[in-house]
C-alpha atoms as a PDB file:
ATOM      1  CA  MET A   1     -25.912  30.813   0.998  1.00  0.00           C
ATOM      2  CA  THR A   2     -23.451  28.588   2.951  1.00  0.00           C
ATOM      3  CA  THR A   3     -21.658  29.276   5.998  1.00  0.00           C
ATOM      4  CA  THR A   4     -18.433  29.658   4.272  1.00  0.00           C
ATOM      5  CA  THR A   5     -19.656  32.490   1.963  1.00  0.00           C
ATOM      6  CA  PRO A   6     -19.259  35.550   4.411  1.00  0.00           C
ATOM      7  CA  ILE A   7     -15.523  34.253   4.832  1.00  0.00           C
ATOM      8  CA  LEU A   8     -14.909  33.883   1.073  1.00  0.00           C
ATOM      9  CA  LEU A   9     -16.484  37.493   0.505  1.00  0.00           C
ATOM     10  CA  ALA A  10     -14.347  38.929   3.424  1.00  0.00           C
ATOM     11  CA  SER A  11     -11.146  37.401   1.958  1.00  0.00           C
ATOM     12  CA  THR A  12     -12.027  38.568  -1.453  1.00  0.00           C
ATOM     13  CA  THR A  13     -12.410  42.386  -0.085  1.00  0.00           C
ATOM     14  CA  LEU A  14      -9.077  42.031   1.576  1.00  0.00           C
ATOM     15  CA  LEU A  15      -7.429  40.711  -1.240  1.00  0.00           C
ATOM     16  CA  LEU A  16      -8.654  43.544  -3.594  1.00  0.00           C
ATOM     17  CA  LEU A  17      -7.490  46.111  -0.919  1.00  0.00           C
ATOM     18  CA  THR A  18      -3.950  44.274  -1.217  1.00  0.00           C
ATOM     19  CA  LEU A  19      -4.234  44.576  -5.130  1.00  0.00           C
ATOM     20  CA  GLY A  20      -4.858  48.424  -4.845  1.00  0.00           C
ATOM     21  CA  ILE A  21      -2.133  48.890  -2.526  1.00  0.00           C
ATOM     22  CA  GLY A  22       0.231  46.772  -4.807  1.00  0.00           C
ATOM     23  CA  LEU A  23      -0.938  48.974  -7.807  1.00  0.00           C
ATOM     24  CA  ALA A  24      -0.197  52.367  -5.730  1.00  0.00           C
ATOM     25  CA  ARG A  25       3.195  50.657  -5.159  1.00  0.00           C
ATOM     26  CA  ALA A  26       3.899  49.777  -8.752  1.00  0.00           C
ATOM     27  CA  MET A  27       3.091  53.312  -9.615  1.00  0.00           C
ATOM     28  CA  ILE A  28       5.185  55.171  -7.230  1.00  0.00           C
ATOM     29  CA  GLY A  29       8.352  52.905  -7.466  1.00  0.00           C
ATOM     30  CA  PRO A  30      11.010  54.328  -6.834  1.00  0.00           C
ATOM     31  CA  SER A  31      13.181  51.379  -8.235  1.00  0.00           C
ATOM     32  CA  LEU A  32      12.752  48.702 -10.873  1.00  0.00           C
ATOM     33  CA  GLN A  33      13.104  46.387  -7.916  1.00  0.00           C
ATOM     34  CA  ASP A  34      10.174  47.674  -5.899  1.00  0.00           C
ATOM     35  CA  ARG A  35       7.927  47.888  -8.930  1.00  0.00           C
ATOM     36  CA  MET A  36       8.642  44.318  -9.883  1.00  0.00           C
ATOM     37  CA  LEU A  37       7.991  43.244  -6.229  1.00  0.00           C
ATOM     38  CA  SER A  38       4.605  45.026  -6.352  1.00  0.00           C
ATOM     39  CA  VAL A  39       3.744  43.498  -9.546  1.00  0.00           C
ATOM     40  CA  GLN A  40       4.562  40.165  -8.187  1.00  0.00           C
ATOM     41  CA  LEU A  41       2.383  40.716  -5.078  1.00  0.00           C
ATOM     42  CA  MET A  42      -0.502  41.964  -7.618  1.00  0.00           C
ATOM     43  CA  GLY A  43       0.094  38.582  -9.398  1.00  0.00           C
ATOM     44  CA  THR A  44      -0.189  36.422  -6.203  1.00  0.00           C
ATOM     45  CA  GLY A  45      -3.145  38.500  -5.045  1.00  0.00           C
ATOM     46  CA  GLY A  46      -4.898  37.885  -8.405  1.00  0.00           C
ATOM     47  CA  VAL A  47      -4.270  34.185  -8.268  1.00  0.00           C
ATOM     48  CA  ALA A  48      -5.716  33.892  -4.882  1.00  0.00           C
ATOM     49  CA  LEU A  49      -8.707  36.174  -5.768  1.00  0.00           C
ATOM     50  CA  LEU A  50      -9.459  34.014  -8.892  1.00  0.00           C
ATOM     51  CA  LEU A  51      -9.352  30.937  -6.680  1.00  0.00           C
ATOM     52  CA  LEU A  52     -11.573  32.375  -4.060  1.00  0.00           C
ATOM     53  CA  LEU A  53     -14.100  33.611  -7.008  1.00  0.00           C
ATOM     54  CA  SER A  54     -14.339  30.221  -8.529  1.00  0.00           C
ATOM     55  CA  PRO A  55     -16.443  28.666  -5.922  1.00  0.00           C
ATOM     56  CA  LEU A  56     -18.391  31.807  -5.372  1.00  0.00           C
ATOM     57  CA  LEU A  57     -19.384  32.157  -8.714  1.00  0.00           C
ATOM     58  CA  ALA A  58     -19.460  28.606  -9.445  1.00  0.00           C
ATOM     59  CA  MET A  59     -17.131  28.835 -12.472  1.00  0.00           C
ATOM     60  CA  PRO A  60     -14.462  26.136 -12.174  1.00  0.00           C
ATOM     61  CA  ALA A  61     -12.756  27.658 -15.450  1.00  0.00           C
ATOM     62  CA  LEU A  62     -11.535  30.542 -13.081  1.00  0.00           C
ATOM     63  CA  ILE A  63      -8.958  27.930 -11.562  1.00  0.00           C
ATOM     64  CA  ASP A  64      -7.374  27.399 -14.951  1.00  0.00           C
ATOM     65  CA  VAL A  65      -7.141  31.182 -15.365  1.00  0.00           C
ATOM     66  CA  ALA A  66      -5.363  31.527 -12.134  1.00  0.00           C
ATOM     67  CA  LEU A  67      -2.863  28.611 -13.095  1.00  0.00           C
ATOM     68  CA  VAL A  68      -2.022  30.585 -16.148  1.00  0.00           C
ATOM     69  CA  LEU A  69      -1.750  33.799 -14.550  1.00  0.00           C
ATOM     70  CA  ALA A  70       0.737  32.135 -11.643  1.00  0.00           C
ATOM     71  CA  LEU A  71       2.938  30.850 -14.795  1.00  0.00           C
ATOM     72  CA  LEU A  72       2.748  34.155 -16.113  1.00  0.00           C
ATOM     73  CA  ALA A  73       3.962  35.968 -13.025  1.00  0.00           C
ATOM     74  CA  SER A  74       6.989  33.419 -12.554  1.00  0.00           C
ATOM     75  CA  VAL A  75       8.286  33.964 -16.059  1.00  0.00           C
ATOM     76  CA  ALA A  76       8.031  37.628 -15.547  1.00  0.00           C
ATOM     77  CA  ALA A  77      10.288  37.412 -12.425  1.00  0.00           C
ATOM     78  CA  ALA A  78      12.652  34.927 -14.320  1.00  0.00           C
ATOM     79  CA  ALA A  79      12.860  37.741 -17.207  1.00  0.00           C
ATOM     80  CA  LEU A  80      13.580  40.628 -14.583  1.00  0.00           C
ATOM     81  CA  THR A  81      16.179  38.300 -12.741  1.00  0.00           C
ATOM     82  CA  ARG A  82      17.951  37.545 -15.959  1.00  0.00           C
ATOM     83  CA  ARG A  83      17.734  41.044 -17.248  1.00  0.00           C
ATOM     84  CA  GLU A  84      19.530  42.263 -14.146  1.00  0.00           C
ATOM     85  CA  ILE A  85      22.313  39.584 -14.359  1.00  0.00           C
ATOM     86  CA  ASP A  86      22.830  40.669 -18.094  1.00  0.00           C
ATOM     87  CA  ASP A  87      23.054  44.447 -16.880  1.00  0.00           C
ATOM     88  CA  ASP A  88      25.893  43.950 -14.506  1.00  0.00           C
END
């Protein structure tokens, strides 16, 4: 156990808390924009969590998964923005 492991574990715990709050906000709403923003928060938190778990679990493949999740989150934001423009 290195000296950075407790810091990584504390950061991971805080990110899990953030993901839980984002999930609650996505379920509550009230508008589509609020829900999309909370989904973006969960995507960002998920990327950060995967990047923190990669050295903790000694699994470098988690970095690739985090990059794919980041790309999917940006595509979702672009799709919502495009949908909002088309609805006006």
